[in-house]
């Protein structure tokens, strides 16, 4: 079954596992270009001690904050897993 899952989903699950190991809600996220190229990956950091604002440190929010919108002209075509 694992072999049938697309690479972005595998990475999202790996990030979720990292979040779980760090005591956070196990959610991971991956931002991909339309061709499937992975641009960014992150996980929920709501329980990590180094996190500045734990309330908004969700996986998808972390990815979007790190996205360089100036250098990505086709952001509206990207996929967030």
PDB file of N, CA and C in Angstrom:
ATOM      1  N   UNK A   1       0.819  -1.181   0.000  1.00  0.00           N
ATOM      2  CA  UNK A   1       0.000   0.000   0.000  1.00  0.00           C
ATOM      3  C   UNK A   1       0.876   1.263   0.000  1.00  0.00           C
ATOM      4  N   UNK A   2       1.954   1.287   0.776  1.00  0.00           N
ATOM      5  CA  UNK A   2       2.837   2.455   0.840  1.00  0.00           C
ATOM      6  C   UNK A   2       3.385   2.791  -0.540  1.00  0.00           C
ATOM      7  N   UNK A   3       3.698   1.775  -1.341  1.00  0.00           N
ATOM      8  CA  UNK A   3       4.248   1.988  -2.685  1.00  0.00           C
ATOM      9  C   UNK A   3       3.248   2.636  -3.629  1.00  0.00           C
ATOM     10  N   UNK A   4       1.967   2.573  -3.310  1.00  0.00           N
ATOM     11  CA  UNK A   4       0.939   3.142  -4.165  1.00  0.00           C
ATOM     12  C   UNK A   4       0.658   4.619  -3.855  1.00  0.00           C
ATOM     13  N   UNK A   5       1.214   5.120  -2.768  1.00  0.00           N
ATOM     14  CA  UNK A   5       0.987   6.510  -2.364  1.00  0.00           C
ATOM     15  C   UNK A   5       1.980   7.409  -3.091  1.00  0.00           C
ATOM     16  N   UNK A   6       1.514   8.559  -3.562  1.00  0.00           N
ATOM     17  CA  UNK A   6       2.386   9.491  -4.280  1.00  0.00           C
ATOM     18  C   UNK A   6       3.457  10.058  -3.338  1.00  0.00           C
ATOM     19  N   UNK A   7       4.566  10.497  -3.914  1.00  0.00           N
ATOM     20  CA  UNK A   7       5.689  11.010  -3.138  1.00  0.00           C
ATOM     21  C   UNK A   7       5.308  12.183  -2.221  1.00  0.00           C
ATOM     22  N   UNK A   8       4.524  13.162  -2.703  1.00  0.00           N
ATOM     23  CA  UNK A   8       4.135  14.249  -1.793  1.00  0.00           C
ATOM     24  C   UNK A   8       3.378  13.758  -0.557  1.00  0.00           C
ATOM     25  N   UNK A   9       2.509  12.777  -0.732  1.00  0.00           N
ATOM     26  CA  UNK A   9       1.770  12.252   0.414  1.00  0.00           C
ATOM     27  C   UNK A   9       2.700  11.514   1.361  1.00  0.00           C
ATOM     28  N   UNK A  10       3.658  10.786   0.830  1.00  0.00           N
ATOM     29  CA  UNK A  10       4.625  10.088   1.686  1.00  0.00           C
ATOM     30  C   UNK A  10       5.377  11.090   2.554  1.00  0.00           C
ATOM     31  N   UNK A  11       5.814  12.174   1.942  1.00  0.00           N
ATOM     32  CA  UNK A  11       6.556  13.190   2.683  1.00  0.00           C
ATOM     33  C   UNK A  11       5.662  13.864   3.719  1.00  0.00           C
ATOM     34  N   UNK A  12       4.409  14.104   3.358  1.00  0.00           N
ATOM     35  CA  UNK A  12       3.471  14.694   4.324  1.00  0.00           C
ATOM     36  C   UNK A  12       3.297  13.776   5.531  1.00  0.00           C
ATOM     37  N   UNK A  13       3.221  12.469   5.293  1.00  0.00           N
ATOM     38  CA  UNK A  13       3.122  11.515   6.401  1.00  0.00           C
ATOM     39  C   UNK A  13       4.399  11.499   7.235  1.00  0.00           C
ATOM     40  N   UNK A  14       5.539  11.606   6.582  1.00  0.00           N
ATOM     41  CA  UNK A  14       6.810  11.659   7.314  1.00  0.00           C
ATOM     42  C   UNK A  14       6.867  12.911   8.199  1.00  0.00           C
ATOM     43  N   UNK A  15       6.423  14.028   7.665  1.00  0.00           N
ATOM     44  CA  UNK A  15       6.376  15.252   8.457  1.00  0.00           C
ATOM     45  C   UNK A  15       5.388  15.124   9.616  1.00  0.00           C
ATOM     46  N   UNK A  16       4.275  14.464   9.378  1.00  0.00           N
ATOM     47  CA  UNK A  16       3.300  14.240  10.449  1.00  0.00           C
ATOM     48  C   UNK A  16       3.919  13.378  11.548  1.00  0.00           C
ATOM     49  N   UNK A  17       4.688  12.397  11.166  1.00  0.00           N
ATOM     50  CA  UNK A  17       5.362  11.544  12.140  1.00  0.00           C
ATOM     51  C   UNK A  17       6.357  12.366  12.966  1.00  0.00           C
ATOM     52  N   UNK A  18       7.066  13.285  12.320  1.00  0.00           N
ATOM     53  CA  UNK A  18       7.989  14.174  13.036  1.00  0.00           C
ATOM     54  C   UNK A  18       7.224  15.007  14.060  1.00  0.00           C
ATOM     55  N   UNK A  19       6.086  15.550  13.645  1.00  0.00           N
ATOM     56  CA  UNK A  19       5.263  16.338  14.559  1.00  0.00           C
ATOM     57  C   UNK A  19       4.834  15.490  15.755  1.00  0.00           C
ATOM     58  N   UNK A  20       4.394  14.283  15.496  1.00  0.00           N
ATOM     59  CA  UNK A  20       3.955  13.380  16.559  1.00  0.00           C
ATOM     60  C   UNK A  20       5.092  13.092  17.539  1.00  0.00           C
ATOM     61  N   UNK A  21       6.277  12.813  17.008  1.00  0.00           N
ATOM     62  CA  UNK A  21       7.444  12.539  17.860  1.00  0.00           C
ATOM     63  C   UNK A  21       7.820  13.749  18.718  1.00  0.00           C
ATOM     64  N   UNK A  22       7.484  14.948  18.224  1.00  0.00           N
ATOM     65  CA  UNK A  22       7.780  16.165  18.975  1.00  0.00           C
ATOM     66  C   UNK A  22       6.651  16.574  19.916  1.00  0.00           C
ATOM     67  N   UNK A  23       5.630  15.727  20.045  1.00  0.00           N
ATOM     68  CA  UNK A  23       4.533  16.001  20.957  1.00  0.00           C
ATOM     69  C   UNK A  23       3.434  16.866  20.386  1.00  0.00           C
ATOM     70  N   UNK A  24       3.432  17.052  19.079  1.00  0.00           N
ATOM     71  CA  UNK A  24       2.427  17.892  18.410  1.00  0.00           C
ATOM     72  C   UNK A  24       1.361  17.027  17.749  1.00  0.00           C
ATOM     73  N   UNK A  25       0.270  17.660  17.355  1.00  0.00           N
ATOM     74  CA  UNK A  25      -0.742  16.976  16.562  1.00  0.00           C
ATOM     75  C   UNK A  25      -0.085  16.536  15.262  1.00  0.00           C
ATOM     76  N   UNK A  26      -0.215  15.271  14.890  1.00  0.00           N
ATOM     77  CA  UNK A  26       0.514  14.752  13.728  1.00  0.00           C
ATOM     78  C   UNK A  26      -0.068  15.191  12.383  1.00  0.00           C
ATOM     79  N   UNK A  27       0.367  16.360  11.963  1.00  0.00           N
ATOM     80  CA  UNK A  27      -0.037  16.885  10.658  1.00  0.00           C
ATOM     81  C   UNK A  27       1.206  17.368   9.936  1.00  0.00           C
ATOM     82  N   UNK A  28       1.356  16.940   8.693  1.00  0.00           N
ATOM     83  CA  UNK A  28       2.468  17.377   7.857  1.00  0.00           C
ATOM     84  C   UNK A  28       1.942  18.008   6.593  1.00  0.00           C
ATOM     85  N   UNK A  29       2.763  18.801   5.964  1.00  0.00           N
ATOM     86  CA  UNK A  29       2.350  19.457   4.729  1.00  0.00           C
ATOM     87  C   UNK A  29       3.482  19.509   3.730  1.00  0.00           C
ATOM     88  N   UNK A  30       3.100  19.551   2.457  1.00  0.00           N
ATOM     89  CA  UNK A  30       4.060  19.615   1.353  1.00  0.00           C
ATOM     90  C   UNK A  30       3.494  20.538   0.286  1.00  0.00           C
ATOM     91  N   UNK A  31       4.315  21.444  -0.217  1.00  0.00           N
ATOM     92  CA  UNK A  31       3.923  22.329  -1.314  1.00  0.00           C
ATOM     93  C   UNK A  31       4.656  21.876  -2.564  1.00  0.00           C
ATOM     94  N   UNK A  32       3.897  21.601  -3.631  1.00  0.00           N
ATOM     95  CA  UNK A  32       4.469  21.101  -4.881  1.00  0.00           C
ATOM     96  C   UNK A  32       4.095  21.979  -6.063  1.00  0.00           C
ATOM     97  N   UNK A  33       5.000  22.026  -7.015  1.00  0.00           N
ATOM     98  CA  UNK A  33       4.703  22.658  -8.303  1.00  0.00           C
ATOM     99  C   UNK A  33       3.756  21.740  -9.079  1.00  0.00           C
ATOM    100  N   UNK A  34       3.137  22.241 -10.147  1.00  0.00           N
ATOM    101  CA  UNK A  34       2.214  21.406 -10.922  1.00  0.00           C
ATOM    102  C   UNK A  34       2.861  20.134 -11.487  1.00  0.00           C
ATOM    103  N   UNK A  35       4.177  20.184 -11.738  1.00  0.00           N
ATOM    104  CA  UNK A  35       4.859  18.999 -12.271  1.00  0.00           C
ATOM    105  C   UNK A  35       5.230  17.992 -11.186  1.00  0.00           C
ATOM    106  N   UNK A  36       4.878  18.295  -9.923  1.00  0.00           N
ATOM    107  CA  UNK A  36       5.151  17.386  -8.824  1.00  0.00           C
ATOM    108  C   UNK A  36       6.433  17.682  -8.064  1.00  0.00           C
ATOM    109  N   UNK A  37       7.209  18.658  -8.518  1.00  0.00           N
ATOM    110  CA  UNK A  37       8.429  19.038  -7.828  1.00  0.00           C
ATOM    111  C   UNK A  37       8.098  19.579  -6.448  1.00  0.00           C
ATOM    112  N   UNK A  38       8.732  19.036  -5.442  1.00  0.00           N
ATOM    113  CA  UNK A  38       8.470  19.462  -4.073  1.00  0.00           C
ATOM    114  C   UNK A  38       9.252  20.730  -3.784  1.00  0.00           C
ATOM    115  N   UNK A  39       8.538  21.751  -3.341  1.00  0.00           N
ATOM    116  CA  UNK A  39       9.142  23.045  -3.055  1.00  0.00           C
ATOM    117  C   UNK A  39       9.448  23.194  -1.566  1.00  0.00           C
ATOM    118  N   UNK A  40       8.472  22.894  -0.731  1.00  0.00           N
ATOM    119  CA  UNK A  40       8.629  23.047   0.716  1.00  0.00           C
ATOM    120  C   UNK A  40       7.905  21.921   1.434  1.00  0.00           C
ATOM    121  N   UNK A  41       8.374  21.645   2.632  1.00  0.00           N
ATOM    122  CA  UNK A  41       7.734  20.658   3.492  1.00  0.00           C
ATOM    123  C   UNK A  41       7.856  21.137   4.924  1.00  0.00           C
ATOM    124  N   UNK A  42       6.870  20.810   5.753  1.00  0.00           N
ATOM    125  CA  UNK A  42       6.926  21.202   7.161  1.00  0.00           C
ATOM    126  C   UNK A  42       5.887  20.396   7.938  1.00  0.00           C
ATOM    127  N   UNK A  43       5.834  20.617   9.235  1.00  0.00           N
ATOM    128  CA  UNK A  43       4.902  19.897  10.098  1.00  0.00           C
ATOM    129  C   UNK A  43       4.363  20.828  11.178  1.00  0.00           C
ATOM    130  N   UNK A  44       3.351  20.345  11.859  1.00  0.00           N
ATOM    131  CA  UNK A  44       2.752  21.081  12.964  1.00  0.00           C
ATOM    132  C   UNK A  44       3.814  21.256  14.047  1.00  0.00           C
ATOM    133  N   UNK A  45       3.933  22.467  14.566  1.00  0.00           N
ATOM    134  CA  UNK A  45       4.928  22.771  15.595  1.00  0.00           C
ATOM    135  C   UNK A  45       4.289  23.371  16.844  1.00  0.00           C
ATOM    136  N   UNK A  46       3.014  23.101  17.048  1.00  0.00           N
ATOM    137  CA  UNK A  46       2.259  23.761  18.123  1.00  0.00           C
ATOM    138  C   UNK A  46       2.721  23.413  19.528  1.00  0.00           C
ATOM    139  N   UNK A  47       3.455  22.341  19.707  1.00  0.00           N
ATOM    140  CA  UNK A  47       3.928  21.977  21.047  1.00  0.00           C
ATOM    141  C   UNK A  47       5.443  22.085  21.178  1.00  0.00           C
ATOM    142  N   UNK A  48       6.106  22.527  20.131  1.00  0.00           N
ATOM    143  CA  UNK A  48       7.560  22.645  20.188  1.00  0.00           C
ATOM    144  C   UNK A  48       7.944  23.891  20.976  1.00  0.00           C
ATOM    145  N   UNK A  49       8.915  23.768  21.848  1.00  0.00           N
ATOM    146  CA  UNK A  49       9.297  24.850  22.751  1.00  0.00           C
ATOM    147  C   UNK A  49       9.891  26.049  22.023  1.00  0.00           C
ATOM    148  N   UNK A  50      10.558  25.852  20.898  1.00  0.00           N
ATOM    149  CA  UNK A  50      11.216  26.949  20.179  1.00  0.00           C
ATOM    150  C   UNK A  50      10.254  27.772  19.329  1.00  0.00           C
ATOM    151  N   UNK A  51       9.023  27.328  19.215  1.00  0.00           N
ATOM    152  CA  UNK A  51       8.053  27.986  18.357  1.00  0.00           C
ATOM    153  C   UNK A  51       7.618  29.324  18.966  1.00  0.00           C
ATOM    154  N   UNK A  52       7.648  30.359  18.149  1.00  0.00           N
ATOM    155  CA  UNK A  52       7.300  31.700  18.623  1.00  0.00           C
ATOM    156  C   UNK A  52       5.804  31.824  18.898  1.00  0.00           C
ATOM    157  N   UNK A  53       4.967  31.487  17.929  1.00  0.00           N
ATOM    158  CA  UNK A  53       3.524  31.588  18.097  1.00  0.00           C
ATOM    159  C   UNK A  53       2.905  30.215  17.856  1.00  0.00           C
ATOM    160  N   UNK A  54       2.719  29.471  18.900  1.00  0.00           N
ATOM    161  CA  UNK A  54       2.250  28.085  18.803  1.00  0.00           C
ATOM    162  C   UNK A  54       0.840  27.964  18.236  1.00  0.00           C
ATOM    163  N   UNK A  55       0.017  28.991  18.405  1.00  0.00           N
ATOM    164  CA  UNK A  55      -1.358  28.908  17.917  1.00  0.00           C
ATOM    165  C   UNK A  55      -1.448  28.824  16.402  1.00  0.00           C
ATOM    166  N   UNK A  56      -0.511  29.432  15.709  1.00  0.00           N
ATOM    167  CA  UNK A  56      -0.574  29.445  14.241  1.00  0.00           C
ATOM    168  C   UNK A  56       0.585  28.684  13.604  1.00  0.00           C
ATOM    169  N   UNK A  57       1.140  27.750  14.319  1.00  0.00           N
ATOM    170  CA  UNK A  57       2.277  27.009  13.785  1.00  0.00           C
ATOM    171  C   UNK A  57       1.846  25.675  13.182  1.00  0.00           C
ATOM    172  N   UNK A  58       0.748  25.712  12.455  1.00  0.00           N
ATOM    173  CA  UNK A  58       0.257  24.530  11.767  1.00  0.00           C
ATOM    174  C   UNK A  58       1.117  24.263  10.528  1.00  0.00           C
ATOM    175  N   UNK A  59       1.126  23.039  10.069  1.00  0.00           N
ATOM    176  CA  UNK A  59       1.975  22.645   8.942  1.00  0.00           C
ATOM    177  C   UNK A  59       1.767  23.546   7.727  1.00  0.00           C
ATOM    178  N   UNK A  60       0.522  23.736   7.329  1.00  0.00           N
ATOM    179  CA  UNK A  60       0.259  24.518   6.118  1.00  0.00           C
ATOM    180  C   UNK A  60       0.615  25.993   6.319  1.00  0.00           C
ATOM    181  N   UNK A  61       0.378  26.520   7.508  1.00  0.00           N
ATOM    182  CA  UNK A  61       0.731  27.914   7.781  1.00  0.00           C
ATOM    183  C   UNK A  61       2.246  28.104   7.761  1.00  0.00           C
ATOM    184  N   UNK A  62       2.968  27.134   8.312  1.00  0.00           N
ATOM    185  CA  UNK A  62       4.433  27.208   8.291  1.00  0.00           C
ATOM    186  C   UNK A  62       4.953  27.228   6.861  1.00  0.00           C
ATOM    187  N   UNK A  63       4.374  26.405   6.010  1.00  0.00           N
ATOM    188  CA  UNK A  63       4.796  26.351   4.605  1.00  0.00           C
ATOM    189  C   UNK A  63       4.486  27.676   3.912  1.00  0.00           C
ATOM    190  N   UNK A  64       3.287  28.173   4.090  1.00  0.00           N
ATOM    191  CA  UNK A  64       2.899  29.413   3.415  1.00  0.00           C
ATOM    192  C   UNK A  64       3.737  30.603   3.879  1.00  0.00           C
ATOM    193  N   UNK A  65       4.090  30.630   5.163  1.00  0.00           N
ATOM    194  CA  UNK A  65       4.949  31.707   5.660  1.00  0.00           C
ATOM    195  C   UNK A  65       6.345  31.646   5.042  1.00  0.00           C
ATOM    196  N   UNK A  66       6.822  30.463   4.740  1.00  0.00           N
ATOM    197  CA  UNK A  66       8.165  30.295   4.183  1.00  0.00           C
ATOM    198  C   UNK A  66       8.200  30.421   2.661  1.00  0.00           C
ATOM    199  N   UNK A  67       7.049  30.508   2.030  1.00  0.00           N
ATOM    200  CA  UNK A  67       6.985  30.575   0.572  1.00  0.00           C
ATOM    201  C   UNK A  67       7.448  31.945   0.081  1.00  0.00           C
ATOM    202  N   UNK A  68       8.394  31.927  -0.821  1.00  0.00           N
ATOM    203  CA  UNK A  68       8.914  33.162  -1.423  1.00  0.00           C
ATOM    204  C   UNK A  68       8.039  33.502  -2.624  1.00  0.00           C
ATOM    205  N   UNK A  69       7.012  34.288  -2.386  1.00  0.00           N
ATOM    206  CA  UNK A  69       6.049  34.598  -3.449  1.00  0.00           C
ATOM    207  C   UNK A  69       6.647  35.476  -4.546  1.00  0.00           C
ATOM    208  N   UNK A  70       7.733  36.156  -4.263  1.00  0.00           N
ATOM    209  CA  UNK A  70       8.374  36.987  -5.284  1.00  0.00           C
ATOM    210  C   UNK A  70       9.048  36.146  -6.364  1.00  0.00           C
ATOM    211  N   UNK A  71       9.522  34.967  -5.998  1.00  0.00           N
ATOM    212  CA  UNK A  71      10.248  34.148  -6.965  1.00  0.00           C
ATOM    213  C   UNK A  71       9.384  33.053  -7.587  1.00  0.00           C
ATOM    214  N   UNK A  72       8.142  32.928  -7.148  1.00  0.00           N
ATOM    215  CA  UNK A  72       7.248  31.897  -7.684  1.00  0.00           C
ATOM    216  C   UNK A  72       6.126  32.586  -8.450  1.00  0.00           C
ATOM    217  N   UNK A  73       6.230  32.586  -9.754  1.00  0.00           N
ATOM    218  CA  UNK A  73       5.225  33.271 -10.566  1.00  0.00           C
ATOM    219  C   UNK A  73       3.952  32.435 -10.741  1.00  0.00           C
ATOM    220  N   UNK A  74       4.063  31.137 -10.542  1.00  0.00           N
ATOM    221  CA  UNK A  74       2.915  30.254 -10.769  1.00  0.00           C
ATOM    222  C   UNK A  74       2.375  29.677  -9.459  1.00  0.00           C
ATOM    223  N   UNK A  75       2.424  30.441  -8.381  1.00  0.00           N
ATOM    224  CA  UNK A  75       1.987  29.942  -7.075  1.00  0.00           C
ATOM    225  C   UNK A  75       0.548  29.448  -7.094  1.00  0.00           C
ATOM    226  N   UNK A  76      -0.300  30.098  -7.872  1.00  0.00           N
ATOM    227  CA  UNK A  76      -1.710  29.697  -7.922  1.00  0.00           C
ATOM    228  C   UNK A  76      -1.909  28.316  -8.545  1.00  0.00           C
ATOM    229  N   UNK A  77      -0.883  27.788  -9.205  1.00  0.00           N
ATOM    230  CA  UNK A  77      -0.989  26.449  -9.790  1.00  0.00           C
ATOM    231  C   UNK A  77      -0.352  25.376  -8.906  1.00  0.00           C
ATOM    232  N   UNK A  78       0.242  25.781  -7.801  1.00  0.00           N
ATOM    233  CA  UNK A  78       0.899  24.825  -6.902  1.00  0.00           C
ATOM    234  C   UNK A  78      -0.157  24.080  -6.079  1.00  0.00           C
ATOM    235  N   UNK A  79       0.252  22.936  -5.546  1.00  0.00           N
ATOM    236  CA  UNK A  79      -0.649  22.104  -4.759  1.00  0.00           C
ATOM    237  C   UNK A  79      -0.085  21.960  -3.347  1.00  0.00           C
ATOM    238  N   UNK A  80      -0.942  22.179  -2.358  1.00  0.00           N
ATOM    239  CA  UNK A  80      -0.560  22.006  -0.959  1.00  0.00           C
ATOM    240  C   UNK A  80      -1.202  20.721  -0.450  1.00  0.00           C
ATOM    241  N   UNK A  81      -0.368  19.771  -0.074  1.00  0.00           N
ATOM    242  CA  UNK A  81      -0.845  18.497   0.468  1.00  0.00           C
ATOM    243  C   UNK A  81      -0.839  18.569   1.976  1.00  0.00           C
TER     244      UNK A  81
END
